[in-house]
C-alpha atoms as a PDB file:
ATOM      1  CA  MET A   1      -2.256   1.779  -0.509  1.00  0.00           C
ATOM      2  CA  ARG A   2      -0.736   1.380  -4.422  1.00  0.00           C
ATOM      3  CA  ARG A   3       1.342  -1.166  -5.439  1.00  0.00           C
ATOM      4  CA  ALA A   4       4.867   0.797  -5.597  1.00  0.00           C
ATOM      5  CA  GLU A   5       4.187   1.214  -1.823  1.00  0.00           C
ATOM      6  CA  CYS A   6       3.043  -1.981  -1.190  1.00  0.00           C
ATOM      7  CA  GLY A   7       6.578  -3.669  -2.303  1.00  0.00           C
ATOM      8  CA  ALA A   8       8.516  -1.394   0.213  1.00  0.00           C
ATOM      9  CA  HIS A   9       6.360  -1.919   3.090  1.00  0.00           C
ATOM     10  CA  LEU A  10       5.620  -5.513   3.064  1.00  0.00           C
ATOM     11  CA  SER A  11       8.488  -8.708   3.826  1.00  0.00           C
ATOM     12  CA  HIS A  12       7.496 -12.057   2.384  1.00  0.00           C
ATOM     13  CA  ARG A  13       9.343 -14.722   4.269  1.00  0.00           C
ATOM     14  CA  LEU A  14       9.321 -18.117   2.713  1.00  0.00           C
ATOM     15  CA  ASP A  15      12.549 -19.647   4.246  1.00  0.00           C
ATOM     16  CA  ARG A  16      10.684 -19.052   7.956  1.00  0.00           C
ATOM     17  CA  PRO A  17       7.110 -19.594   9.265  1.00  0.00           C
ATOM     18  CA  ASN A  18       7.227 -17.986  12.581  1.00  0.00           C
ATOM     19  CA  GLU A  19       9.812 -15.772  14.192  1.00  0.00           C
ATOM     20  CA  GLY A  20      11.773 -18.574  15.615  1.00  0.00           C
ATOM     21  CA  GLY A  21      13.285 -19.640  11.845  1.00  0.00           C
ATOM     22  CA  GLY A  22      13.389 -23.029  10.621  1.00  0.00           C
ATOM     23  CA  PRO A  23      12.422 -24.445   6.871  1.00  0.00           C
ATOM     24  CA  LEU A  24       8.660 -24.489   5.383  1.00  0.00           C
ATOM     25  CA  PRO A  25       6.997 -27.726   6.382  1.00  0.00           C
ATOM     26  CA  ALA A  26       6.007 -30.289   4.153  1.00  0.00           C
ATOM     27  CA  SER A  27       2.720 -29.805   5.002  1.00  0.00           C
ATOM     28  CA  GLY A  28       0.035 -27.867   6.652  1.00  0.00           C
ATOM     29  CA  PRO A  29      -0.523 -24.237   6.450  1.00  0.00           C
ATOM     30  CA  PHE A  30       2.701 -22.960   5.350  1.00  0.00           C
ATOM     31  CA  ALA A  31       3.690 -25.938   2.960  1.00  0.00           C
ATOM     32  CA  SER A  32       1.728 -23.831   0.253  1.00  0.00           C
ATOM     33  CA  GLY A  33       4.691 -21.416  -0.359  1.00  0.00           C
ATOM     34  CA  LEU A  34       2.748 -18.419   0.015  1.00  0.00           C
ATOM     35  CA  TYR A  35       3.118 -17.875   3.898  1.00  0.00           C
ATOM     36  CA  ASP A  36       3.279 -13.974   4.291  1.00  0.00           C
ATOM     37  CA  ASP A  37       4.228 -12.007   7.709  1.00  0.00           C
ATOM     38  CA  ARG A  38       2.438  -9.013   7.078  1.00  0.00           C
ATOM     39  CA  GLN A  39      -0.025 -10.351  10.052  1.00  0.00           C
ATOM     40  CA  GLY A  40       2.541 -12.688  11.972  1.00  0.00           C
ATOM     41  CA  GLY A  41       1.751 -15.296   9.914  1.00  0.00           C
ATOM     42  CA  ARG A  42      -1.176 -14.611   7.562  1.00  0.00           C
ATOM     43  CA  LEU A  43      -1.740 -16.390   4.365  1.00  0.00           C
ATOM     44  CA  LEU A  44      -2.967 -14.798   1.165  1.00  0.00           C
ATOM     45  CA  ARG A  45      -6.763 -14.753   0.996  1.00  0.00           C
ATOM     46  CA  ILE A  46      -9.097 -15.303  -1.289  1.00  0.00           C
ATOM     47  CA  PHE A  47     -11.999 -13.171  -1.371  1.00  0.00           C
ATOM     48  CA  VAL A  48     -15.165 -14.570  -3.375  1.00  0.00           C
ATOM     49  CA  ASP A  49     -17.979 -12.018  -4.073  1.00  0.00           C
ATOM     50  CA  ALA A  50     -20.460 -14.566  -3.363  1.00  0.00           C
ATOM     51  CA  ASP A  51     -23.792 -13.604  -4.435  1.00  0.00           C
ATOM     52  CA  ALA A  52     -24.715 -16.108  -7.371  1.00  0.00           C
ATOM     53  CA  CYS A  53     -21.073 -16.504  -7.747  1.00  0.00           C
ATOM     54  CA  PRO A  54     -21.017 -20.300 -10.144  1.00  0.00           C
ATOM     55  CA  VAL A  55     -17.294 -21.101  -8.952  1.00  0.00           C
ATOM     56  CA  LYS A  56     -17.387 -21.550  -4.948  1.00  0.00           C
ATOM     57  CA  ASP A  57     -17.164 -25.199  -4.985  1.00  0.00           C
ATOM     58  CA  GLU A  58     -14.022 -24.649  -7.762  1.00  0.00           C
ATOM     59  CA  VAL A  59     -12.485 -21.785  -5.079  1.00  0.00           C
ATOM     60  CA  TYR A  60     -13.026 -24.562  -2.379  1.00  0.00           C
ATOM     61  CA  ARG A  61     -10.744 -27.209  -4.076  1.00  0.00           C
ATOM     62  CA  VAL A  62      -8.107 -25.240  -5.023  1.00  0.00           C
ATOM     63  CA  ALA A  63      -7.761 -23.253  -1.426  1.00  0.00           C
ATOM     64  CA  ALA A  64      -7.798 -26.325  -0.095  1.00  0.00           C
ATOM     65  CA  ARG A  65      -4.882 -27.550  -1.898  1.00  0.00           C
ATOM     66  CA  TYR A  66      -2.580 -24.330  -1.279  1.00  0.00           C
ATOM     67  CA  ASP A  67      -3.841 -23.842   2.341  1.00  0.00           C
ATOM     68  CA  LEU A  68      -5.876 -21.216   1.752  1.00  0.00           C
ATOM     69  CA  LYS A  69      -8.410 -18.820   3.704  1.00  0.00           C
ATOM     70  CA  VAL A  70     -11.405 -18.187   2.154  1.00  0.00           C
ATOM     71  CA  THR A  71     -14.097 -15.636   2.624  1.00  0.00           C
ATOM     72  CA  LEU A  72     -17.542 -15.035   0.958  1.00  0.00           C
ATOM     73  CA  VAL A  73     -18.545 -11.662   0.933  1.00  0.00           C
ATOM     74  CA  ALA A  74     -22.988 -12.357   0.411  1.00  0.00           C
ATOM     75  CA  GLY A  75     -25.877  -9.887   0.796  1.00  0.00           C
ATOM     76  CA  SER A  76     -27.741 -12.556   2.755  1.00  0.00           C
ATOM     77  CA  TRP A  77     -26.837 -16.665   4.211  1.00  0.00           C
ATOM     78  CA  MET A  78     -25.889 -19.173   2.084  1.00  0.00           C
ATOM     79  CA  ARG A  79     -24.750 -22.714   2.716  1.00  0.00           C
ATOM     80  CA  LYS A  80     -20.758 -23.088   2.642  1.00  0.00           C
ATOM     81  CA  PRO A  81     -18.912 -25.806   3.556  1.00  0.00           C
ATOM     82  CA  ASP A  82     -17.880 -26.107   7.427  1.00  0.00           C
ATOM     83  CA  ASP A  83     -14.530 -26.285   7.094  1.00  0.00           C
ATOM     84  CA  PRO A  84     -12.802 -23.389   9.265  1.00  0.00           C
ATOM     85  CA  TRP A  85     -11.005 -21.881   6.815  1.00  0.00           C
ATOM     86  CA  ILE A  86     -14.133 -21.034   4.716  1.00  0.00           C
ATOM     87  CA  ASP A  87     -15.623 -17.596   6.160  1.00  0.00           C
ATOM     88  CA  LEU A  88     -19.241 -16.130   5.363  1.00  0.00           C
ATOM     89  CA  GLN A  89     -19.137 -12.647   5.540  1.00  0.00           C
ATOM     90  CA  ILE A  90     -22.487 -11.332   5.558  1.00  0.00           C
ATOM     91  CA  VAL A  91     -23.135  -7.217   4.836  1.00  0.00           C
ATOM     92  CA  GLY A  92     -26.741  -7.052   3.747  1.00  0.00           C
ATOM     93  CA  GLY A  93     -28.514  -5.635   1.048  1.00  0.00           C
ATOM     94  CA  GLY A  94     -27.867  -2.173  -0.643  1.00  0.00           C
ATOM     95  CA  ILE A  95     -25.589  -0.898  -3.724  1.00  0.00           C
ATOM     96  CA  ASP A  96     -22.033  -1.815  -3.355  1.00  0.00           C
ATOM     97  CA  VAL A  97     -22.081  -2.633   0.316  1.00  0.00           C
ATOM     98  CA  ALA A  98     -20.280  -6.216  -0.786  1.00  0.00           C
ATOM     99  CA  ASP A  99     -17.929  -4.815  -3.011  1.00  0.00           C
ATOM    100  CA  ASP A 100     -16.783  -2.102  -0.412  1.00  0.00           C
ATOM    101  CA  TRP A 101     -16.567  -4.615   2.204  1.00  0.00           C
ATOM    102  CA  ILE A 102     -14.127  -6.671   0.051  1.00  0.00           C
ATOM    103  CA  VAL A 103     -12.068  -3.293  -0.634  1.00  0.00           C
ATOM    104  CA  GLU A 104     -11.834  -2.514   2.685  1.00  0.00           C
ATOM    105  CA  HIS A 105     -10.341  -5.629   3.813  1.00  0.00           C
ATOM    106  CA  LEU A 106      -8.423  -7.375   1.415  1.00  0.00           C
ATOM    107  CA  GLU A 107      -4.523  -6.927   1.069  1.00  0.00           C
ATOM    108  CA  ALA A 108      -1.726  -6.434  -2.062  1.00  0.00           C
ATOM    109  CA  GLY A 109      -1.497  -9.569  -3.665  1.00  0.00           C
ATOM    110  CA  ASP A 110      -4.515 -11.273  -2.092  1.00  0.00           C
ATOM    111  CA  ILE A 111      -7.062 -12.953  -4.923  1.00  0.00           C
ATOM    112  CA  VAL A 112     -10.322 -11.705  -5.398  1.00  0.00           C
ATOM    113  CA  ILE A 113     -13.225 -13.797  -7.491  1.00  0.00           C
ATOM    114  CA  THR A 114     -15.767 -11.450  -8.850  1.00  0.00           C
ATOM    115  CA  ALA A 115     -18.022 -10.954 -12.324  1.00  0.00           C
ATOM    116  CA  ASP A 116     -18.264  -7.297 -10.958  1.00  0.00           C
ATOM    117  CA  ILE A 117     -16.147  -5.519 -13.309  1.00  0.00           C
ATOM    118  CA  PRO A 118     -15.858  -2.143 -10.960  1.00  0.00           C
ATOM    119  CA  LEU A 119     -15.268  -4.154  -8.058  1.00  0.00           C
ATOM    120  CA  ALA A 120     -12.950  -5.422 -10.493  1.00  0.00           C
ATOM    121  CA  GLY A 121     -11.124  -2.043 -11.063  1.00  0.00           C
ATOM    122  CA  ARG A 122     -11.057  -1.357  -7.404  1.00  0.00           C
ATOM    123  CA  CYS A 123      -9.800  -4.297  -6.047  1.00  0.00           C
ATOM    124  CA  LEU A 124      -6.829  -4.063  -9.019  1.00  0.00           C
ATOM    125  CA  ALA A 125      -5.838  -0.534  -7.774  1.00  0.00           C
ATOM    126  CA  LEU A 126      -4.984  -1.924  -4.488  1.00  0.00           C
ATOM    127  CA  GLY A 127      -2.588  -4.753  -5.761  1.00  0.00           C
ATOM    128  CA  ALA A 128      -4.726  -7.739  -5.451  1.00  0.00           C
ATOM    129  CA  THR A 129      -5.393 -10.242  -8.516  1.00  0.00           C
ATOM    130  CA  VAL A 130      -8.527 -10.603  -9.760  1.00  0.00           C
ATOM    131  CA  ILE A 131     -10.337 -13.701 -11.720  1.00  0.00           C
ATOM    132  CA  GLY A 132     -13.410 -13.568 -13.465  1.00  0.00           C
ATOM    133  CA  THR A 133     -15.946 -16.489 -12.835  1.00  0.00           C
ATOM    134  CA  THR A 134     -15.871 -17.825 -16.621  1.00  0.00           C
ATOM    135  CA  GLY A 135     -11.935 -17.907 -15.604  1.00  0.00           C
ATOM    136  CA  ARG A 136     -11.063 -14.444 -17.193  1.00  0.00           C
ATOM    137  CA  PRO A 137      -8.115 -12.630 -15.543  1.00  0.00           C
ATOM    138  CA  PHE A 138      -8.866  -9.026 -14.696  1.00  0.00           C
ATOM    139  CA  THR A 139      -5.835  -6.726 -15.274  1.00  0.00           C
ATOM    140  CA  ASP A 140      -4.638  -3.538 -15.437  1.00  0.00           C
ATOM    141  CA  ASP A 141      -4.113  -4.090 -19.299  1.00  0.00           C
ATOM    142  CA  ASN A 142      -7.364  -4.959 -20.270  1.00  0.00           C
ATOM    143  CA  ILE A 143      -9.549  -3.628 -16.976  1.00  0.00           C
ATOM    144  CA  GLY A 144     -10.471   0.056 -18.974  1.00  0.00           C
ATOM    145  CA  SER A 145     -11.865  -1.747 -22.185  1.00  0.00           C
ATOM    146  CA  ALA A 146     -13.779  -4.495 -19.635  1.00  0.00           C
ATOM    147  CA  LEU A 147     -15.176  -0.684 -18.095  1.00  0.00           C
ATOM    148  CA  ALA A 148     -15.772   0.930 -21.562  1.00  0.00           C
ATOM    149  CA  THR A 149     -17.604  -2.139 -22.741  1.00  0.00           C
ATOM    150  CA  ARG A 150     -19.626  -2.510 -19.647  1.00  0.00           C
ATOM    151  CA  GLY A 151     -20.794   1.067 -20.251  1.00  0.00           C
ATOM    152  CA  LEU A 152     -21.505   1.214 -23.510  1.00  0.00           C
ATOM    153  CA  LEU A 153     -23.630  -2.076 -23.264  1.00  0.00           C
ATOM    154  CA  SER A 154     -25.381  -0.714 -20.176  1.00  0.00           C
ATOM    155  CA  GLU A 155     -26.411   2.490 -22.487  1.00  0.00           C
ATOM    156  CA  LEU A 156     -27.662   0.180 -25.357  1.00  0.00           C
ATOM    157  CA  ARG A 157     -29.541  -1.883 -23.012  1.00  0.00           C
ATOM    158  CA  ASP A 158     -31.467   1.842 -22.130  1.00  0.00           C
ATOM    159  CA  LEU A 159     -31.833   2.632 -25.136  1.00  0.00           C
ATOM    160  CA  GLY A 160     -33.544  -0.811 -25.778  1.00  0.00           C
ATOM    161  CA  GLU A 161     -31.213  -2.236 -28.077  1.00  0.00           C
ATOM    162  CA  ILE A 162     -29.745  -4.958 -26.060  1.00  0.00           C
ATOM    163  CA  THR A 163     -32.509  -6.937 -24.185  1.00  0.00           C
ATOM    164  CA  GLY A 164     -30.567 -10.450 -23.360  1.00  0.00           C
ATOM    165  CA  GLY A 165     -28.493 -10.982 -20.591  1.00  0.00           C
ATOM    166  CA  PRO A 166     -24.573 -12.789 -20.415  1.00  0.00           C
ATOM    167  CA  PRO A 167     -24.325 -15.959 -22.036  1.00  0.00           C
ATOM    168  CA  PRO A 168     -25.103 -18.953 -19.688  1.00  0.00           C
ATOM    169  CA  PHE A 169     -22.585 -20.208 -17.679  1.00  0.00           C
ATOM    170  CA  GLU A 170     -20.646 -23.394 -19.417  1.00  0.00           C
ATOM    171  CA  LYS A 171     -18.642 -26.093 -18.397  1.00  0.00           C
ATOM    172  CA  ARG A 172     -15.426 -24.841 -20.177  1.00  0.00           C
ATOM    173  CA  ASP A 173     -16.246 -21.824 -18.269  1.00  0.00           C
ATOM    174  CA  ARG A 174     -15.442 -23.802 -15.156  1.00  0.00           C
ATOM    175  CA  SER A 175     -12.512 -25.787 -16.365  1.00  0.00           C
ATOM    176  CA  ARG A 176     -11.226 -22.313 -17.432  1.00  0.00           C
ATOM    177  CA  PHE A 177     -11.470 -20.846 -14.050  1.00  0.00           C
ATOM    178  CA  LEU A 178      -9.833 -23.604 -12.218  1.00  0.00           C
ATOM    179  CA  GLN A 179      -7.036 -23.409 -14.598  1.00  0.00           C
ATOM    180  CA  GLN A 180      -6.579 -19.709 -14.275  1.00  0.00           C
ATOM    181  CA  LEU A 181      -6.996 -19.799 -10.783  1.00  0.00           C
ATOM    182  CA  ASP A 182      -4.155 -22.694  -9.887  1.00  0.00           C
ATOM    183  CA  ALA A 183      -2.366 -20.115 -12.497  1.00  0.00           C
ATOM    184  CA  SER A 184      -2.367 -17.055 -10.559  1.00  0.00           C
ATOM    185  CA  ILE A 185      -1.574 -18.869  -7.284  1.00  0.00           C
ATOM    186  CA  HIS A 186       1.530 -20.631  -8.882  1.00  0.00           C
ATOM    187  CA  ALA A 187       2.810 -16.902 -10.542  1.00  0.00           C
ATOM    188  CA  ILE A 188       2.289 -15.577  -6.869  1.00  0.00           C
ATOM    189  CA  ARG A 189       4.431 -18.395  -5.665  1.00  0.00           C
ATOM    190  CA  ARG A 190       7.265 -17.510  -8.401  1.00  0.00           C
ATOM    191  CA  ARG A 191       7.164 -13.653  -7.449  1.00  0.00           C
ATOM    192  CA  MET A 192       7.654 -14.315  -3.668  1.00  0.00           C
ATOM    193  CA  ALA A 193      10.462 -16.882  -3.661  1.00  0.00           C
ATOM    194  CA  ALA A 194      12.213 -14.709  -6.326  1.00  0.00           C
ATOM    195  CA  GLY A 195      11.473 -12.045  -3.601  1.00  0.00           C
ATOM    196  CA  GLN A 196       9.258 -10.195  -5.284  1.00  0.00           C
ATOM    197  CA  HIS A 197       5.833  -8.311  -4.113  1.00  0.00           C
ATOM    198  CA  PRO A 198       2.968 -10.969  -4.524  1.00  0.00           C
ATOM    199  CA  SER A 199       1.164  -8.227  -6.682  1.00  0.00           C
ATOM    200  CA  LEU A 200       4.183  -7.277  -9.341  1.00  0.00           C
ATOM    201  CA  PRO A 201       3.368  -8.678 -12.939  1.00  0.00           C
END
């Protein structure tokens, strides 16, 4: 389902946490302003492309602040906190298996954390908010150039022109990621409060 279709299909109600009505409580899972009644009260979810993801702890911190559920998608078991709002989905090995699982289960307005540019493009097409692990947001405006650059670098590596990998992950990347994830959630809250679809720019 594409973004234009999703806007007409989904209804987001911030003035009532259940079918009986009533204001949003001051604390608890509906206090974040990210209540979504698509599935009887489903909160927007954060999906993490978890294999080798360096910012899982940062995702947990921000998700706890906003009462959001986190789904880690990985090829094998990994240690995670015992909190019930953090899921680990083990999909096994294979090319694009984790990517396919995320694409099949996310909904428009969800947040995806990944450094995989093709996966980012697929998630954007479904209306997700996508953030790279260094804090760089993937958007409709920059995903095309990101894919083109990735293709060029792949060709240069095949020709032996490039032998090094990406730059090392730094403390400032972690800080930038935290700021971007928080800003993205605030942007979704503002759109929902204004009666707009959460994935719209």
